[in-house]
Amino acid sequence: MTTHAKSIATHLTQVRQQIAEAAARTNRTPESIALLAVSKTKPVSDIRAAYEYGQRLFGENYVQEGVEKIQQCQDLPDIQWHFIGPIQSNKTKDIAAHFAWVHSIDREKIARRLNDQRPSHMDPLQILIQVNIDDEASKAGVSLQDVPQLAEFIADCPNLRLRGLMAIPQANSSEEEQIKSFSALEAAFLELQQGDPNVDTLSLGMSNDLSLAIRFGSTMVRVGTAIFGTRER
């Protein structure tokens, strides 16, 4: 194992410990919180190093880069690929054909295209609705008020399966502001869950706020820098 691979293994151990400690504070088990390793801009060698240390869920933001990595990692059994970036209409076919999960659905047009372009031999695409919880003009996502309508549309798509909600909180906000946003998102998630037995995933929390996210019901944290180091872009 190279020095860099050892550092990835060490970082994974540290992140898993952080998740376990945050889970314990809320009387939850570490197993109830999935760790998504955000591997965008990182080489396949980093993904393989994390895989060797037990990591199975990987998140990519850029379609072409993600597809290339998926093709290069076809020899790795039970690896699961999540698309977590903004989606352009001309990229939906590649996403539908290669990824297992999509976290960033924020409009019916994209959901419809993914449904129509999902290959018939593949399982339904697992879908999270992206919520703009802080109403940032520069950020994608639907408002909390628009979640039910989009959820209803997705539920009618046979090749999609709604699993929950995702959000990217406002950067550099105070803990008080984060608590307000996280609490509102958790409430929306629990309400959505009541109407759909498939809804079980709240994708919230990254390297710098995962403990607070777990406190407010996150079932999946997205961690890149704390595992792989600073990104190149």
Protein backbone atom coordinates (compact mmCIF):
# COMPACT_ATOMS: atom_id res chain seq x y z
CA MET A 1 0.00 0.00 0.00
CA THR A 2 1.41 3.41 -0.99
CA THR A 3 1.78 6.26 1.48
CA HIS A 4 -1.11 8.09 -0.16
CA ALA A 5 -3.34 5.01 0.01
CA LYS A 6 -2.48 4.65 3.70
CA SER A 7 -3.50 8.26 4.30
CA ILE A 8 -6.88 7.62 2.62
CA ALA A 9 -7.37 4.60 4.87
CA THR A 10 -6.48 6.70 7.92
CA HIS A 11 -8.84 9.47 6.87
CA LEU A 12 -11.67 6.99 6.31
CA THR A 13 -11.15 5.64 9.81
CA GLN A 14 -11.30 9.16 11.24
CA VAL A 15 -14.49 10.05 9.34
CA ARG A 16 -16.17 6.81 10.34
CA GLN A 17 -15.26 7.51 13.96
CA GLN A 18 -16.71 11.01 13.68
CA ILE A 19 -19.95 9.54 12.29
CA ALA A 20 -20.08 6.97 15.08
CA GLU A 21 -19.61 9.62 17.77
CA ALA A 22 -22.27 11.89 16.26
CA ALA A 23 -24.66 8.95 15.96
CA ALA A 24 -24.10 7.98 19.60
CA ARG A 25 -25.02 11.49 20.74
CA THR A 26 -28.44 11.06 19.12
CA ASN A 27 -28.96 7.45 20.18
CA ARG A 28 -28.51 6.17 16.64
CA THR A 29 -26.30 3.41 15.29
CA PRO A 30 -23.40 4.24 12.95
CA GLU A 31 -24.90 1.78 10.46
CA SER A 32 -27.95 4.04 10.09
CA ILE A 33 -25.78 6.70 8.42
CA ALA A 34 -24.22 5.98 5.04
CA LEU A 35 -20.91 7.54 4.06
CA LEU A 36 -20.74 8.80 0.47
CA ALA A 37 -17.14 9.44 -0.57
CA VAL A 38 -17.11 12.42 -2.94
CA SER A 39 -14.45 11.48 -5.45
CA LYS A 40 -14.84 14.26 -8.02
CA THR A 41 -11.51 15.39 -9.56
CA LYS A 42 -9.72 12.53 -7.79
CA PRO A 43 -7.97 9.74 -9.73
CA VAL A 44 -9.24 6.19 -9.98
CA SER A 45 -6.30 5.09 -7.84
CA ASP A 46 -7.83 7.04 -4.91
CA ILE A 47 -11.18 5.36 -5.45
CA ARG A 48 -9.52 1.95 -5.52
CA ALA A 49 -7.62 2.75 -2.31
CA ALA A 50 -10.85 3.72 -0.54
CA TYR A 51 -12.62 0.64 -1.94
CA GLU A 52 -9.88 -1.61 -0.58
CA TYR A 53 -10.57 -0.11 2.82
CA GLY A 54 -14.27 -0.95 2.66
CA GLN A 55 -15.76 2.14 1.04
CA ARG A 56 -18.50 1.30 -1.47
CA LEU A 57 -20.48 4.51 -2.14
CA PHE A 58 -18.87 7.15 -4.36
CA GLY A 59 -20.23 10.51 -5.53
CA GLU A 60 -19.36 12.30 -8.76
CA ASN A 61 -20.29 15.84 -9.87
CA TYR A 62 -19.22 15.82 -13.51
CA VAL A 63 -20.87 13.45 -15.96
CA GLN A 64 -18.01 12.70 -18.36
CA GLU A 65 -15.49 12.27 -15.55
CA GLY A 66 -17.89 10.08 -13.62
CA VAL A 67 -18.69 7.83 -16.58
CA GLU A 68 -14.99 7.33 -17.30
CA LYS A 69 -14.35 6.30 -13.70
CA ILE A 70 -17.33 3.94 -13.69
CA GLN A 71 -15.98 2.24 -16.80
CA GLN A 72 -12.51 1.95 -15.27
CA CYS A 73 -13.89 0.41 -12.07
CA GLN A 74 -16.12 -2.25 -13.58
CA ASP A 75 -13.99 -4.95 -11.96
CA LEU A 76 -14.96 -3.75 -8.47
CA PRO A 77 -18.04 -5.66 -7.25
CA ASP A 78 -20.81 -3.92 -5.28
CA ILE A 79 -19.45 -0.42 -5.86
CA GLN A 80 -22.30 2.11 -6.01
CA TRP A 81 -22.15 5.34 -8.00
CA HIS A 82 -24.11 8.48 -7.06
CA PHE A 83 -24.44 11.53 -9.30
CA ILE A 84 -24.54 14.60 -7.07
CA GLY A 85 -23.90 17.54 -9.41
CA PRO A 86 -26.08 19.91 -11.43
CA ILE A 87 -27.81 18.22 -14.37
CA GLN A 88 -27.98 19.61 -17.89
CA SER A 89 -30.61 18.18 -20.22
CA ASN A 90 -28.02 16.93 -22.71
CA LYS A 91 -26.33 14.87 -19.98
CA THR A 92 -29.33 12.89 -18.73
CA LYS A 93 -28.82 9.93 -21.06
CA ASP A 94 -25.33 9.20 -19.70
CA ILE A 95 -26.49 9.65 -16.11
CA ALA A 96 -29.45 7.33 -16.64
CA ALA A 97 -27.26 4.65 -18.21
CA HIS A 98 -24.42 4.61 -15.69
CA PHE A 99 -25.40 5.78 -12.21
CA ALA A 100 -27.42 4.02 -9.50
CA TRP A 101 -28.46 7.17 -7.63
CA VAL A 102 -29.09 10.81 -8.53
CA HIS A 103 -29.14 13.39 -5.73
CA SER A 104 -29.79 16.57 -7.68
CA ILE A 105 -33.28 16.44 -9.18
CA ASP A 106 -34.92 19.85 -9.02
CA ARG A 107 -37.38 19.92 -11.91
CA GLU A 108 -39.85 17.67 -13.70
CA LYS A 109 -38.13 17.98 -17.09
CA ILE A 110 -34.95 16.31 -15.80
CA ALA A 111 -36.90 13.62 -13.93
CA ARG A 112 -38.88 12.82 -17.08
CA ARG A 113 -35.76 12.54 -19.24
CA LEU A 114 -34.02 10.27 -16.72
CA ASN A 115 -37.11 8.07 -16.53
CA ASP A 116 -37.42 7.81 -20.30
CA GLN A 117 -33.69 7.16 -20.82
CA ARG A 118 -33.14 4.60 -18.05
CA PRO A 119 -32.19 1.33 -19.80
CA SER A 120 -34.87 -1.33 -19.41
CA HIS A 121 -32.45 -3.96 -18.07
CA MET A 122 -31.38 -1.75 -15.15
CA ASP A 123 -33.07 -1.31 -11.77
CA PRO A 124 -35.02 1.92 -11.25
CA LEU A 125 -32.83 4.97 -10.73
CA GLN A 126 -32.80 5.94 -7.05
CA ILE A 127 -33.76 9.60 -6.76
CA LEU A 128 -33.25 12.39 -4.24
CA ILE A 129 -34.90 15.77 -4.67
CA GLN A 130 -32.45 18.63 -4.17
CA VAL A 131 -33.86 21.29 -1.87
CA ASN A 132 -32.55 24.86 -1.79
CA ILE A 133 -33.08 25.19 1.97
CA ASP A 134 -31.53 28.66 2.24
CA ASP A 135 -33.16 30.13 -0.89
CA GLU A 136 -29.80 30.99 -2.44
CA ALA A 137 -30.14 32.49 -5.91
CA SER A 138 -26.86 30.91 -7.03
CA LYS A 139 -27.80 27.40 -5.95
CA ALA A 140 -29.97 24.76 -7.62
CA GLY A 141 -32.85 23.04 -5.85
CA VAL A 142 -36.56 23.43 -5.25
CA SER A 143 -38.11 25.32 -2.39
CA LEU A 144 -39.52 23.29 0.50
CA GLN A 145 -43.00 24.29 -0.63
CA ASP A 146 -42.44 22.69 -4.06
CA VAL A 147 -41.20 19.33 -2.76
CA PRO A 148 -44.62 17.59 -2.64
CA GLN A 149 -45.47 18.41 -6.27
CA LEU A 150 -42.12 17.17 -7.61
CA ALA A 151 -42.29 14.09 -5.37
CA GLU A 152 -45.70 13.23 -6.78
CA PHE A 153 -44.39 13.52 -10.33
CA ILE A 154 -41.40 11.27 -9.60
CA ALA A 155 -43.63 8.70 -7.91
CA ASP A 156 -45.49 8.31 -11.22
CA CYS A 157 -42.28 7.56 -13.15
CA PRO A 158 -41.87 3.76 -13.41
CA ASN A 159 -38.10 3.87 -13.94
CA LEU A 160 -37.43 6.18 -10.99
CA ARG A 161 -37.74 5.49 -7.29
CA LEU A 162 -37.95 8.42 -4.92
CA ARG A 163 -35.75 7.84 -1.87
CA GLY A 164 -35.69 11.23 -0.18
CA LEU A 165 -34.14 14.68 -0.08
CA MET A 166 -30.72 16.27 -0.50
CA ALA A 167 -29.49 19.75 0.37
CA ILE A 168 -26.28 21.75 0.22
CA PRO A 169 -26.43 24.23 3.11
CA GLN A 170 -25.26 27.79 2.78
CA ALA A 171 -21.53 28.13 3.22
CA ASN A 172 -20.20 30.00 6.25
CA SER A 173 -23.58 30.31 7.92
CA SER A 174 -23.75 30.44 11.70
CA GLU A 175 -24.68 27.37 13.71
CA GLU A 176 -27.96 29.04 14.61
CA GLU A 177 -28.77 29.53 10.92
CA GLN A 178 -27.72 25.96 10.14
CA ILE A 179 -29.96 24.59 12.88
CA LYS A 180 -32.93 26.50 11.50
CA SER A 181 -32.31 25.18 7.97
CA PHE A 182 -31.53 21.61 9.02
CA SER A 183 -34.60 21.46 11.22
CA ALA A 184 -36.86 22.62 8.39
CA LEU A 185 -35.38 20.07 6.01
CA GLU A 186 -35.76 17.26 8.54
CA ALA A 187 -39.44 18.17 8.99
CA ALA A 188 -39.98 18.09 5.21
CA PHE A 189 -38.22 14.73 5.00
CA LEU A 190 -40.36 13.20 7.76
CA GLU A 191 -43.52 14.50 6.09
CA LEU A 192 -42.46 13.03 2.75
CA GLN A 193 -41.65 9.74 4.46
CA GLN A 194 -45.16 9.45 5.84
CA GLY A 195 -46.61 9.32 2.35
CA ASP A 196 -44.09 7.02 0.66
CA PRO A 197 -42.64 3.80 2.17
CA ASN A 198 -39.61 4.00 -0.15
CA VAL A 199 -38.46 7.32 1.32
CA ASP A 200 -35.58 6.57 3.68
CA THR A 201 -32.70 8.87 2.74
CA LEU A 202 -31.82 12.37 3.88
CA SER A 203 -28.55 13.35 2.21
CA LEU A 204 -27.26 16.19 4.37
CA GLY A 205 -23.89 17.05 5.81
CA MET A 206 -20.37 17.35 4.46
CA SER A 207 -16.87 17.39 5.93
CA ASN A 208 -17.44 20.51 8.05
CA ASP A 209 -20.99 19.98 9.30
CA LEU A 210 -21.69 16.26 9.34
CA SER A 211 -22.13 16.04 13.13
CA LEU A 212 -24.85 18.68 13.12
CA ALA A 213 -26.48 17.08 10.07
CA ILE A 214 -26.63 13.72 11.86
CA ARG A 215 -28.24 15.45 14.83
CA PHE A 216 -31.01 16.55 12.48
CA GLY A 217 -31.71 13.18 10.93
CA SER A 218 -29.21 12.84 8.11
CA THR A 219 -28.94 9.25 6.87
CA MET A 220 -26.19 9.96 4.34
CA VAL A 221 -23.22 12.34 4.62
CA ARG A 222 -21.17 13.41 1.62
CA VAL A 223 -17.47 13.67 2.43
CA GLY A 224 -14.68 14.45 -0.01
CA THR A 225 -11.90 16.63 1.37
CA ALA A 226 -11.70 14.86 4.74
CA ILE A 227 -11.10 11.56 2.90
CA PHE A 228 -9.15 12.41 -0.23
CA GLY A 229 -7.63 15.79 0.61
CA THR A 230 -8.04 19.18 -1.07
CA ARG A 231 -9.50 19.07 -4.56
CA GLU A 232 -7.67 20.36 -7.60
CA ARG A 233 -10.67 22.33 -8.86
